[in-house]
Amino acid sequence: MSARVDLVALHAGEYAAVRAPRVVPTAPARYLSLDGEGDVQGDGFLEQARALSLLLRDLRARGRRETGKDFRLPPLEALLGAPRASRVEIDTGRPLPWKLLLRVPAFVRASDLAALGAGEAGGPRAARIEELREGRCIQALHVGPIANVPGTVDRLRRAAADLDLLVRGRLHATWLSGPGRTPPEKRRMLVRLPVKPR
């Protein structure tokens, strides 16, 4: 069996847990993804995240068996908010569009999903593999409940404006602690916003 690929270690700068907002370059990344909508703190979100994680474990087991290739399981990530909204809004009192993301190496293919019977309508079987190209982003570590994320987003916006950058795209969250296993006040999450020059 070949060495285990660790995408977080290979792209360590993108996952550095730093509280102060900072600009980071991000590489194009491939993800196992699943679209949905609802309360990001709710049971539906957590159930879909668990189901997507189980699907990724099945993909990993298939890769080990079929090709001898292996990878370390990544943290849960998600794009939050409407895809083409004019600004990032996180209203925890209303249903929120989201896209769950689990980063995968290049050797995990859509054909592997099809072999597992995934990619079909309904639940995690509607998952697919897609590439995300965010480019330059501004990010910071958020500690606490997701209800307080708007404060971190405001800090990122102010820091971007100070650097003469415009925020674009959806909010990208990466859970560094399990959203369903860690008490809300101790949850650690990277909050990222793509940026471009003014």
N, C-alpha and C. Protein backbone atom coordinates (compact mmCIF):
# COMPACT_ATOMS: atom_id res chain seq x y z
N MET A 1 0.85 -1.20 0.00
CA MET A 1 0.00 0.00 0.00
C MET A 1 0.88 1.24 0.00
N SER A 2 0.50 2.25 -0.79
CA SER A 2 1.29 3.48 -0.88
C SER A 2 1.10 4.33 0.39
N ALA A 3 1.94 5.34 0.53
CA ALA A 3 1.86 6.23 1.69
C ALA A 3 0.50 6.93 1.72
N ARG A 4 0.02 7.20 2.90
CA ARG A 4 -1.27 7.89 3.07
C ARG A 4 -1.12 9.37 2.74
N VAL A 5 -1.95 9.87 1.84
CA VAL A 5 -1.95 11.28 1.46
C VAL A 5 -2.66 12.08 2.55
N ASP A 6 -2.02 13.13 3.03
CA ASP A 6 -2.62 14.00 4.05
C ASP A 6 -2.77 15.39 3.43
N LEU A 7 -3.98 15.69 2.94
CA LEU A 7 -4.20 16.96 2.24
C LEU A 7 -4.11 18.16 3.16
N VAL A 8 -4.44 18.00 4.42
CA VAL A 8 -4.32 19.11 5.37
C VAL A 8 -2.84 19.46 5.56
N ALA A 9 -1.99 18.46 5.71
CA ALA A 9 -0.56 18.71 5.86
C ALA A 9 0.03 19.29 4.59
N LEU A 10 -0.41 18.81 3.41
CA LEU A 10 0.10 19.31 2.14
C LEU A 10 -0.28 20.77 1.89
N HIS A 11 -1.39 21.19 2.47
CA HIS A 11 -1.88 22.57 2.30
C HIS A 11 -2.02 23.23 3.68
N ALA A 12 -0.98 23.09 4.49
CA ALA A 12 -1.03 23.52 5.89
C ALA A 12 -1.40 25.00 6.05
N GLY A 13 -0.94 25.85 5.16
CA GLY A 13 -1.24 27.28 5.27
C GLY A 13 -2.73 27.58 5.19
N GLU A 14 -3.46 26.74 4.47
CA GLU A 14 -4.90 26.95 4.32
C GLU A 14 -5.67 26.51 5.57
N TYR A 15 -5.02 25.75 6.44
CA TYR A 15 -5.69 25.22 7.63
C TYR A 15 -5.07 25.74 8.93
N ALA A 16 -4.19 26.74 8.83
CA ALA A 16 -3.54 27.29 10.02
C ALA A 16 -4.57 28.02 10.89
N ALA A 17 -4.65 27.64 12.16
CA ALA A 17 -5.64 28.19 13.08
C ALA A 17 -5.10 29.44 13.75
N VAL A 18 -5.22 30.57 13.08
CA VAL A 18 -4.71 31.86 13.56
C VAL A 18 -5.90 32.79 13.79
N ARG A 19 -5.95 33.41 14.97
CA ARG A 19 -7.10 34.28 15.29
C ARG A 19 -7.12 35.58 14.51
N ALA A 20 -5.95 36.15 14.25
CA ALA A 20 -5.90 37.42 13.53
C ALA A 20 -6.20 37.19 12.05
N PRO A 21 -7.05 38.02 11.44
CA PRO A 21 -7.32 37.85 10.01
C PRO A 21 -6.03 37.94 9.19
N ARG A 22 -5.91 37.04 8.22
CA ARG A 22 -4.75 37.07 7.35
C ARG A 22 -5.15 36.59 5.96
N VAL A 23 -4.43 37.08 4.97
CA VAL A 23 -4.69 36.69 3.58
C VAL A 23 -3.89 35.42 3.29
N VAL A 24 -4.57 34.44 2.70
CA VAL A 24 -3.91 33.18 2.34
C VAL A 24 -4.21 32.84 0.88
N PRO A 25 -3.20 32.38 0.16
CA PRO A 25 -3.48 31.86 -1.19
C PRO A 25 -4.01 30.44 -1.05
N THR A 26 -5.03 30.10 -1.81
CA THR A 26 -5.55 28.73 -1.77
C THR A 26 -5.39 28.09 -3.13
N ALA A 27 -5.06 26.80 -3.11
CA ALA A 27 -4.90 26.04 -4.35
C ALA A 27 -6.26 25.51 -4.80
N PRO A 28 -6.44 25.26 -6.09
CA PRO A 28 -7.65 24.56 -6.51
C PRO A 28 -7.77 23.26 -5.72
N ALA A 29 -8.97 22.95 -5.27
CA ALA A 29 -9.17 21.79 -4.39
C ALA A 29 -10.36 20.98 -4.88
N ARG A 30 -10.23 19.67 -4.79
CA ARG A 30 -11.30 18.76 -5.16
C ARG A 30 -12.01 18.30 -3.88
N TYR A 31 -13.33 18.25 -3.97
CA TYR A 31 -14.14 17.91 -2.81
C TYR A 31 -15.24 16.91 -3.16
N LEU A 32 -15.55 16.06 -2.21
CA LEU A 32 -16.80 15.34 -2.20
C LEU A 32 -17.81 16.33 -1.63
N SER A 33 -18.87 16.64 -2.37
CA SER A 33 -19.76 17.73 -1.95
C SER A 33 -21.22 17.29 -1.95
N LEU A 34 -22.00 18.02 -1.18
CA LEU A 34 -23.44 17.77 -1.08
C LEU A 34 -24.14 19.08 -0.76
N ASP A 35 -25.10 19.47 -1.62
CA ASP A 35 -25.86 20.70 -1.40
C ASP A 35 -27.05 20.44 -0.49
N GLY A 36 -27.40 21.46 0.30
CA GLY A 36 -28.57 21.36 1.15
C GLY A 36 -28.98 22.72 1.65
N GLU A 37 -29.96 22.72 2.52
CA GLU A 37 -30.45 23.96 3.11
C GLU A 37 -31.05 23.65 4.47
N GLY A 38 -30.86 24.56 5.41
CA GLY A 38 -31.44 24.37 6.73
C GLY A 38 -30.62 25.05 7.80
N ASP A 39 -30.89 24.71 9.03
CA ASP A 39 -30.20 25.27 10.18
C ASP A 39 -28.84 24.59 10.31
N VAL A 40 -27.76 25.36 10.23
CA VAL A 40 -26.41 24.80 10.31
C VAL A 40 -26.13 24.22 11.70
N GLN A 41 -26.94 24.57 12.68
CA GLN A 41 -26.80 24.00 14.02
C GLN A 41 -27.77 22.84 14.24
N GLY A 42 -28.59 22.55 13.20
CA GLY A 42 -29.66 21.58 13.38
C GLY A 42 -29.28 20.15 13.09
N ASP A 43 -30.21 19.25 13.44
CA ASP A 43 -29.99 17.82 13.27
C ASP A 43 -29.85 17.44 11.79
N GLY A 44 -30.61 18.09 10.91
CA GLY A 44 -30.55 17.76 9.49
C GLY A 44 -29.16 17.99 8.91
N PHE A 45 -28.55 19.11 9.27
CA PHE A 45 -27.20 19.42 8.81
C PHE A 45 -26.21 18.37 9.32
N LEU A 46 -26.30 18.06 10.61
CA LEU A 46 -25.38 17.10 11.21
C LEU A 46 -25.57 15.69 10.63
N GLU A 47 -26.81 15.31 10.37
CA GLU A 47 -27.07 14.00 9.77
C GLU A 47 -26.48 13.91 8.37
N GLN A 48 -26.65 14.97 7.58
CA GLN A 48 -26.08 14.98 6.23
C GLN A 48 -24.55 14.96 6.28
N ALA A 49 -23.98 15.69 7.23
CA ALA A 49 -22.52 15.70 7.38
C ALA A 49 -22.01 14.30 7.75
N ARG A 50 -22.71 13.62 8.65
CA ARG A 50 -22.31 12.26 9.04
C ARG A 50 -22.43 11.30 7.85
N ALA A 51 -23.53 11.42 7.11
CA ALA A 51 -23.75 10.54 5.96
C ALA A 51 -22.67 10.77 4.89
N LEU A 52 -22.29 12.03 4.67
CA LEU A 52 -21.25 12.32 3.68
C LEU A 52 -19.91 11.77 4.14
N SER A 53 -19.65 11.86 5.44
CA SER A 53 -18.42 11.32 6.00
C SER A 53 -18.37 9.80 5.82
N LEU A 54 -19.49 9.12 6.04
CA LEU A 54 -19.55 7.67 5.84
C LEU A 54 -19.31 7.32 4.37
N LEU A 55 -19.87 8.12 3.47
CA LEU A 55 -19.64 7.89 2.05
C LEU A 55 -18.16 8.05 1.71
N LEU A 56 -17.52 9.06 2.30
CA LEU A 56 -16.08 9.24 2.06
C LEU A 56 -15.29 8.05 2.60
N ARG A 57 -15.68 7.54 3.74
CA ARG A 57 -15.00 6.34 4.28
C ARG A 57 -15.14 5.16 3.32
N ASP A 58 -16.32 5.02 2.71
CA ASP A 58 -16.53 3.95 1.72
C ASP A 58 -15.63 4.16 0.50
N LEU A 59 -15.51 5.42 0.05
CA LEU A 59 -14.62 5.73 -1.08
C LEU A 59 -13.17 5.40 -0.74
N ARG A 60 -12.79 5.75 0.48
CA ARG A 60 -11.42 5.47 0.92
C ARG A 60 -11.16 3.96 0.95
N ALA A 61 -12.10 3.20 1.49
CA ALA A 61 -11.94 1.75 1.56
C ALA A 61 -11.87 1.15 0.15
N ARG A 62 -12.68 1.68 -0.76
CA ARG A 62 -12.65 1.18 -2.14
C ARG A 62 -11.29 1.48 -2.78
N GLY A 63 -10.77 2.68 -2.56
CA GLY A 63 -9.47 3.03 -3.12
C GLY A 63 -8.36 2.14 -2.58
N ARG A 64 -8.39 1.87 -1.30
CA ARG A 64 -7.38 0.99 -0.70
C ARG A 64 -7.44 -0.40 -1.34
N ARG A 65 -8.66 -0.87 -1.50
CA ARG A 65 -8.86 -2.22 -2.03
C ARG A 65 -8.51 -2.31 -3.51
N GLU A 66 -8.95 -1.32 -4.30
CA GLU A 66 -8.79 -1.38 -5.75
C GLU A 66 -7.42 -0.91 -6.23
N THR A 67 -6.86 0.11 -5.59
CA THR A 67 -5.62 0.71 -6.11
C THR A 67 -4.47 0.69 -5.12
N GLY A 68 -4.76 0.39 -3.86
CA GLY A 68 -3.71 0.45 -2.84
C GLY A 68 -3.40 1.86 -2.38
N LYS A 69 -4.16 2.84 -2.84
CA LYS A 69 -3.93 4.24 -2.45
C LYS A 69 -4.80 4.59 -1.25
N ASP A 70 -4.24 5.45 -0.38
CA ASP A 70 -4.92 5.79 0.86
C ASP A 70 -4.80 7.29 1.12
N PHE A 71 -5.71 7.84 1.93
CA PHE A 71 -5.65 9.24 2.32
C PHE A 71 -6.21 9.41 3.72
N ARG A 72 -5.72 10.43 4.39
CA ARG A 72 -6.21 10.76 5.74
C ARG A 72 -7.56 11.46 5.60
N LEU A 73 -8.50 11.11 6.46
CA LEU A 73 -9.83 11.73 6.41
C LEU A 73 -9.71 13.21 6.80
N PRO A 74 -10.30 14.10 6.01
CA PRO A 74 -10.18 15.54 6.23
C PRO A 74 -11.24 16.06 7.19
N PRO A 75 -11.08 17.30 7.65
CA PRO A 75 -12.14 17.92 8.46
C PRO A 75 -13.32 18.31 7.59
N LEU A 76 -14.47 18.47 8.22
CA LEU A 76 -15.67 18.93 7.52
C LEU A 76 -15.50 20.39 7.15
N GLU A 77 -15.85 20.71 5.91
CA GLU A 77 -15.88 22.09 5.44
C GLU A 77 -17.25 22.35 4.84
N ALA A 78 -17.61 23.61 4.67
CA ALA A 78 -18.89 23.94 4.05
C ALA A 78 -18.85 25.36 3.50
N LEU A 79 -19.55 25.55 2.39
CA LEU A 79 -19.84 26.90 1.90
C LEU A 79 -21.21 27.26 2.44
N LEU A 80 -21.32 28.44 3.05
CA LEU A 80 -22.57 28.86 3.69
C LEU A 80 -23.13 30.09 3.01
N GLY A 81 -24.44 30.13 2.85
CA GLY A 81 -25.09 31.28 2.23
C GLY A 81 -25.44 31.01 0.78
N ALA A 82 -26.19 31.92 0.20
CA ALA A 82 -26.62 31.78 -1.19
C ALA A 82 -25.43 31.87 -2.13
N PRO A 83 -25.40 31.04 -3.19
CA PRO A 83 -24.24 31.02 -4.09
C PRO A 83 -23.91 32.36 -4.75
N ARG A 84 -24.90 33.14 -5.14
CA ARG A 84 -24.60 34.39 -5.83
C ARG A 84 -25.12 35.61 -5.08
N ALA A 85 -25.13 35.55 -3.79
CA ALA A 85 -25.60 36.68 -2.98
C ALA A 85 -24.61 37.84 -3.09
N SER A 86 -25.11 39.06 -2.97
CA SER A 86 -24.25 40.23 -3.07
C SER A 86 -23.34 40.40 -1.85
N ARG A 87 -23.75 39.83 -0.73
CA ARG A 87 -22.89 39.86 0.46
C ARG A 87 -23.14 38.61 1.31
N VAL A 88 -22.19 38.33 2.17
CA VAL A 88 -22.29 37.14 3.02
C VAL A 88 -23.24 37.44 4.17
N GLU A 89 -24.28 36.64 4.29
CA GLU A 89 -25.24 36.79 5.39
C GLU A 89 -25.38 35.45 6.10
N ILE A 90 -25.19 35.44 7.38
CA ILE A 90 -25.41 34.23 8.19
C ILE A 90 -26.48 34.57 9.22
N ASP A 91 -27.70 34.21 8.90
CA ASP A 91 -28.82 34.41 9.82
C ASP A 91 -29.16 33.05 10.39
N THR A 92 -28.74 32.81 11.63
CA THR A 92 -28.95 31.50 12.23
C THR A 92 -30.41 31.25 12.58
N GLY A 93 -31.27 32.23 12.41
CA GLY A 93 -32.69 32.04 12.70
C GLY A 93 -33.49 31.57 11.50
N ARG A 94 -32.85 31.54 10.31
CA ARG A 94 -33.55 31.14 9.09
C ARG A 94 -32.81 30.01 8.40
N PRO A 95 -33.52 29.24 7.56
CA PRO A 95 -32.82 28.20 6.79
C PRO A 95 -31.75 28.83 5.92
N LEU A 96 -30.62 28.19 5.83
CA LEU A 96 -29.46 28.71 5.13
C LEU A 96 -29.03 27.72 4.06
N PRO A 97 -28.81 28.17 2.81
CA PRO A 97 -28.24 27.25 1.82
C PRO A 97 -26.82 26.90 2.22
N TRP A 98 -26.43 25.65 2.01
CA TRP A 98 -25.08 25.23 2.32
C TRP A 98 -24.62 24.16 1.34
N LYS A 99 -23.31 24.03 1.26
CA LYS A 99 -22.69 22.97 0.48
C LYS A 99 -21.65 22.31 1.38
N LEU A 100 -21.91 21.08 1.79
CA LEU A 100 -20.95 20.33 2.59
C LEU A 100 -19.77 19.92 1.71
N LEU A 101 -18.57 19.96 2.28
CA LEU A 101 -17.35 19.65 1.53
C LEU A 101 -16.42 18.76 2.36
N LEU A 102 -15.89 17.73 1.72
CA LEU A 102 -14.83 16.90 2.29
C LEU A 102 -13.75 16.79 1.23
N ARG A 103 -12.56 17.29 1.53
CA ARG A 103 -11.49 17.37 0.53
C ARG A 103 -10.97 15.98 0.17
N VAL A 104 -10.80 15.75 -1.13
CA VAL A 104 -10.33 14.44 -1.60
C VAL A 104 -9.12 14.62 -2.52
N PRO A 105 -8.24 13.62 -2.55
CA PRO A 105 -7.09 13.67 -3.45
C PRO A 105 -7.49 13.41 -4.90
N ALA A 106 -6.59 13.71 -5.81
CA ALA A 106 -6.87 13.59 -7.25
C ALA A 106 -7.22 12.18 -7.68
N PHE A 107 -6.76 11.17 -6.95
CA PHE A 107 -7.04 9.80 -7.39
C PHE A 107 -8.45 9.32 -7.03
N VAL A 108 -9.22 10.11 -6.29
CA VAL A 108 -10.63 9.78 -6.04
C VAL A 108 -11.44 10.38 -7.18
N ARG A 109 -12.16 9.55 -7.90
CA ARG A 109 -12.85 9.96 -9.12
C ARG A 109 -14.38 9.83 -9.00
N ALA A 110 -15.07 10.52 -9.91
CA ALA A 110 -16.52 10.40 -9.97
C ALA A 110 -16.93 8.96 -10.26
N SER A 111 -16.12 8.25 -11.03
CA SER A 111 -16.43 6.85 -11.33
C SER A 111 -16.40 5.99 -10.06
N ASP A 112 -15.59 6.39 -9.07
CA ASP A 112 -15.58 5.67 -7.80
C ASP A 112 -16.91 5.86 -7.07
N LEU A 113 -17.45 7.09 -7.15
CA LEU A 113 -18.77 7.34 -6.56
C LEU A 113 -19.83 6.49 -7.24
N ALA A 114 -19.77 6.47 -8.58
CA ALA A 114 -20.75 5.70 -9.34
C ALA A 114 -20.68 4.22 -8.97
N ALA A 115 -19.46 3.72 -8.76
CA ALA A 115 -19.29 2.30 -8.40
C ALA A 115 -19.93 1.98 -7.05
N LEU A 116 -20.04 3.00 -6.19
CA LEU A 116 -20.69 2.81 -4.88
C LEU A 116 -22.20 3.04 -4.95
N GLY A 117 -22.70 3.39 -6.15
CA GLY A 117 -24.12 3.69 -6.29
C GLY A 117 -24.47 5.08 -5.82
N ALA A 118 -23.46 5.94 -5.65
CA ALA A 118 -23.70 7.31 -5.20
C ALA A 118 -23.98 8.20 -6.41
N GLY A 119 -24.32 9.45 -6.13
CA GLY A 119 -24.61 10.39 -7.19
C GLY A 119 -26.05 10.32 -7.65
N GLU A 120 -26.85 9.49 -6.99
CA GLU A 120 -28.26 9.38 -7.34
C GLU A 120 -29.07 10.35 -6.50
N ALA A 121 -30.31 10.56 -6.88
CA ALA A 121 -31.15 11.55 -6.19
C ALA A 121 -31.41 11.13 -4.74
N GLY A 122 -31.45 12.14 -3.87
CA GLY A 122 -31.84 11.91 -2.48
C GLY A 122 -30.68 11.68 -1.54
N GLY A 123 -30.66 12.42 -0.43
CA GLY A 123 -29.68 12.23 0.64
C GLY A 123 -28.26 12.31 0.16
N PRO A 124 -27.34 11.63 0.87
CA PRO A 124 -25.94 11.72 0.51
C PRO A 124 -25.64 11.07 -0.83
N ARG A 125 -26.59 10.30 -1.35
CA ARG A 125 -26.38 9.68 -2.67
C ARG A 125 -26.42 10.74 -3.77
N ALA A 126 -26.83 11.96 -3.46
CA ALA A 126 -26.78 13.05 -4.42
C ALA A 126 -25.42 13.74 -4.39
N ALA A 127 -24.48 13.17 -3.66
CA ALA A 127 -23.14 13.75 -3.56
C ALA A 127 -22.42 13.66 -4.90
N ARG A 128 -21.46 14.55 -5.08
CA ARG A 128 -20.65 14.54 -6.30
C ARG A 128 -19.25 15.02 -5.97
N ILE A 129 -18.36 14.87 -6.91
CA ILE A 129 -17.00 15.38 -6.76
C ILE A 129 -16.89 16.62 -7.63
N GLU A 130 -16.42 17.71 -7.03
CA GLU A 130 -16.27 18.96 -7.78
C GLU A 130 -15.03 19.70 -7.32
N GLU A 131 -14.60 20.61 -8.16
CA GLU A 131 -13.41 21.40 -7.86
C GLU A 131 -13.81 22.79 -7.41
N LEU A 132 -13.13 23.31 -6.42
CA LEU A 132 -13.36 24.65 -5.90
C LEU A 132 -12.10 25.48 -6.14
N ARG A 133 -12.26 26.65 -6.76
CA ARG A 133 -11.13 27.56 -7.02
C ARG A 133 -11.45 28.90 -6.36
N GLU A 134 -10.96 29.10 -5.16
CA GLU A 134 -11.24 30.34 -4.43
C GLU A 134 -10.14 31.38 -4.62
N GLY A 135 -8.91 30.95 -4.90
CA GLY A 135 -7.82 31.91 -5.05
C GLY A 135 -7.44 32.54 -3.71
N ARG A 136 -7.16 33.85 -3.73
CA ARG A 136 -6.79 34.54 -2.49
C ARG A 136 -8.01 34.67 -1.59
N CYS A 137 -7.78 34.43 -0.30
CA CYS A 137 -8.86 34.52 0.69
C CYS A 137 -8.33 35.23 1.93
N ILE A 138 -9.25 35.74 2.72
CA ILE A 138 -8.91 36.24 4.05
C ILE A 138 -9.60 35.32 5.04
N GLN A 139 -8.86 34.89 6.07
CA GLN A 139 -9.45 33.95 7.01
C GLN A 139 -8.96 34.21 8.42
N ALA A 140 -9.73 33.66 9.37
CA ALA A 140 -9.38 33.77 10.79
C ALA A 140 -10.02 32.60 11.53
N LEU A 141 -9.46 32.28 12.67
CA LEU A 141 -10.03 31.27 13.54
C LEU A 141 -11.21 31.86 14.30
N HIS A 142 -12.33 31.12 14.33
CA HIS A 142 -13.49 31.49 15.14
C HIS A 142 -13.63 30.45 16.24
N VAL A 143 -13.75 30.88 17.47
CA VAL A 143 -13.97 29.98 18.59
C VAL A 143 -15.31 30.34 19.22
N GLY A 144 -16.20 29.34 19.33
CA GLY A 144 -17.51 29.58 19.91
C GLY A 144 -18.61 29.08 19.01
N PRO A 145 -19.86 29.36 19.39
CA PRO A 145 -21.00 28.86 18.61
C PRO A 145 -21.08 29.53 17.24
N ILE A 146 -21.71 28.83 16.31
CA ILE A 146 -21.85 29.37 14.96
C ILE A 146 -22.71 30.63 14.94
N ALA A 147 -23.57 30.78 15.95
CA ALA A 147 -24.39 32.00 16.03
C ALA A 147 -23.53 33.25 16.12
N ASN A 148 -22.27 33.11 16.59
CA ASN A 148 -21.38 34.27 16.71
C ASN A 148 -20.48 34.47 15.49
N VAL A 149 -20.64 33.64 14.47
CA VAL A 149 -19.81 33.78 13.27
C VAL A 149 -19.97 35.15 12.60
N PRO A 150 -21.16 35.77 12.58
CA PRO A 150 -21.25 37.09 11.95
C PRO A 150 -20.23 38.11 12.49
N GLY A 151 -19.88 38.01 13.78
CA GLY A 151 -18.86 38.90 14.33
C GLY A 151 -17.50 38.65 13.71
N THR A 152 -17.16 37.39 13.48
CA THR A 152 -15.89 37.05 12.82
C THR A 152 -15.92 37.50 11.36
N VAL A 153 -17.06 37.34 10.70
CA VAL A 153 -17.19 37.80 9.32
C VAL A 153 -16.98 39.31 9.25
N ASP A 154 -17.54 40.06 10.20
CA ASP A 154 -17.34 41.52 10.24
C ASP A 154 -15.86 41.86 10.41
N ARG A 155 -15.15 41.12 11.27
CA ARG A 155 -13.70 41.35 11.44
C ARG A 155 -12.95 41.12 10.14
N LEU A 156 -13.33 40.05 9.43
CA LEU A 156 -12.69 39.75 8.15
C LEU A 156 -12.97 40.84 7.13
N ARG A 157 -14.20 41.34 7.09
CA ARG A 157 -14.55 42.40 6.15
C ARG A 157 -13.75 43.67 6.42
N ARG A 158 -13.63 44.03 7.71
CA ARG A 158 -12.86 45.24 8.05
C ARG A 158 -11.39 45.06 7.69
N ALA A 159 -10.84 43.88 7.97
CA ALA A 159 -9.44 43.62 7.65
C ALA A 159 -9.23 43.66 6.14
N ALA A 160 -10.17 43.12 5.36
CA ALA A 160 -10.06 43.16 3.90
C ALA A 160 -10.10 44.59 3.40
N ALA A 161 -11.01 45.40 3.95
CA ALA A 161 -11.10 46.81 3.54
C ALA A 161 -9.81 47.55 3.86
N ASP A 162 -9.21 47.27 5.02
CA ASP A 162 -7.93 47.90 5.38
C ASP A 162 -6.82 47.55 4.40
N LEU A 163 -6.94 46.38 3.77
CA LEU A 163 -5.94 45.94 2.80
C LEU A 163 -6.34 46.29 1.37
N ASP A 164 -7.41 47.09 1.24
CA ASP A 164 -7.92 47.51 -0.06
C ASP A 164 -8.38 46.32 -0.90
N LEU A 165 -9.04 45.36 -0.24
CA LEU A 165 -9.56 44.17 -0.90
C LEU A 165 -11.08 44.12 -0.80
N LEU A 166 -11.71 43.57 -1.80
CA LEU A 166 -13.16 43.37 -1.79
C LEU A 166 -13.46 41.90 -1.53
N VAL A 167 -14.44 41.65 -0.67
CA VAL A 167 -14.88 40.29 -0.40
C VAL A 167 -15.80 39.85 -1.53
N ARG A 168 -15.63 38.59 -1.95
CA ARG A 168 -16.48 38.04 -3.01
C ARG A 168 -16.79 36.58 -2.65
N GLY A 169 -17.83 36.03 -3.20
CA GLY A 169 -18.11 34.60 -3.01
C GLY A 169 -18.76 34.28 -1.67
N ARG A 170 -18.87 32.98 -1.41
CA ARG A 170 -19.56 32.48 -0.22
C ARG A 170 -18.60 32.32 0.95
N LEU A 171 -19.18 32.35 2.15
CA LEU A 171 -18.40 32.09 3.35
C LEU A 171 -17.99 30.62 3.35
N HIS A 172 -16.73 30.36 3.64
CA HIS A 172 -16.19 29.00 3.67
C HIS A 172 -15.80 28.70 5.12
N ALA A 173 -16.44 27.71 5.70
CA ALA A 173 -16.17 27.32 7.09
C ALA A 173 -15.49 25.96 7.11
N THR A 174 -14.49 25.82 7.99
CA THR A 174 -13.82 24.54 8.20
C THR A 174 -13.87 24.23 9.68
N TRP A 175 -14.51 23.13 10.05
CA TRP A 175 -14.61 22.75 11.46
C TRP A 175 -13.33 22.05 11.89
N LEU A 176 -12.62 22.65 12.83
CA LEU A 176 -11.42 22.03 13.38
C LEU A 176 -11.75 21.16 14.58
N SER A 177 -12.98 21.27 15.06
CA SER A 177 -13.50 20.37 16.09
C SER A 177 -14.88 19.93 15.61
N GLY A 178 -15.28 18.72 15.99
CA GLY A 178 -16.53 18.15 15.50
C GLY A 178 -17.73 19.00 15.86
N PRO A 179 -18.54 19.42 14.87
CA PRO A 179 -19.69 20.28 15.19
C PRO A 179 -20.73 19.60 16.07
N GLY A 180 -20.82 18.27 16.02
CA GLY A 180 -21.81 17.57 16.82
C GLY A 180 -21.26 17.01 18.11
N ARG A 181 -19.92 17.06 18.29
CA ARG A 181 -19.31 16.43 19.46
C ARG A 181 -18.73 17.42 20.47
N THR A 182 -18.49 18.64 20.05
CA THR A 182 -17.82 19.63 20.90
C THR A 182 -18.86 20.62 21.43
N PRO A 183 -18.80 20.99 22.71
CA PRO A 183 -19.73 22.00 23.23
C PRO A 183 -19.61 23.29 22.41
N PRO A 184 -20.73 23.97 22.13
CA PRO A 184 -20.71 25.15 21.26
C PRO A 184 -19.66 26.20 21.63
N GLU A 185 -19.47 26.44 22.94
CA GLU A 185 -18.53 27.50 23.35
C GLU A 185 -17.07 27.11 23.08
N LYS A 186 -16.80 25.83 22.81
CA LYS A 186 -15.43 25.38 22.56
C LYS A 186 -15.17 25.02 21.10
N ARG A 187 -16.18 25.17 20.25
CA ARG A 187 -16.01 24.81 18.85
C ARG A 187 -15.00 25.73 18.17
N ARG A 188 -14.13 25.12 17.37
CA ARG A 188 -13.09 25.85 16.64
C ARG A 188 -13.36 25.70 15.15
N MET A 189 -13.40 26.83 14.46
CA MET A 189 -13.75 26.83 13.04
C MET A 189 -12.93 27.89 12.32
N LEU A 190 -12.38 27.53 11.17
CA LEU A 190 -11.78 28.54 10.31
C LEU A 190 -12.87 29.17 9.48
N VAL A 191 -12.87 30.49 9.41
CA VAL A 191 -13.85 31.22 8.61
C VAL A 191 -13.07 31.94 7.52
N ARG A 192 -13.45 31.68 6.27
CA ARG A 192 -12.70 32.19 5.12
C ARG A 192 -13.63 32.89 4.13
N LEU A 193 -13.15 33.98 3.57
CA LEU A 193 -13.87 34.69 2.52
C LEU A 193 -12.92 34.95 1.35
N PRO A 194 -13.30 34.58 0.13
CA PRO A 194 -12.47 34.94 -1.03
C PRO A 194 -12.42 36.46 -1.19
N VAL A 195 -11.29 36.97 -1.66
CA VAL A 195 -11.12 38.41 -1.84
C VAL A 195 -10.50 38.70 -3.20
N LYS A 196 -10.66 39.94 -3.64
CA LYS A 196 -10.04 40.42 -4.88
C LYS A 196 -9.66 41.87 -4.69
N PRO A 197 -8.72 42.40 -5.50
CA PRO A 197 -8.36 43.82 -5.37
C PRO A 197 -9.54 44.73 -5.69
N ARG A 198 -9.58 45.91 -5.05
CA ARG A 198 -10.63 46.88 -5.35
C ARG A 198 -10.47 47.42 -6.76
